[in-house]
């Protein structure tokens, strides 16, 4: 199943999204611990704020500029954009690659596998979407 977000994250594999959908506070706690190790959250970050219901305009987003661009162009995500790839999405790919490198130093192999499918495959997901969109 594909739930590709505007930034290229695949929500179907995202541990935050999965824990939220299953309403598992324990899993959200585990995700919080992982996010702290990755440097994405502080230790005192409230676990309830880890819940994610997918891309919605009212959500805080790490890629607000990308969100604005996608909304202005009226596309579901960058893969559907005629200007893909652009400088803005290339910056997102670079940020993701830096996080992937860091994650390799602090995550287990199992965590890396999940993170790869959820977050570190943005370019591959968008390339596939864009290719289909062009056809």
Foldseek 3Di string as FASTA:
>chain_A
DADQAQLQFGLVLDQQAVCQVVVPLVSLVVVVVLCVQLVNDPPPPDSVVSHDNGDDPVDDDPLVVSVVVCVVVVHRHPLLDPPPPDPSSVVSLVVLVVSLVSCVVRDDPVVSVSCCNGGNCRVVVSVVSNVVNVD
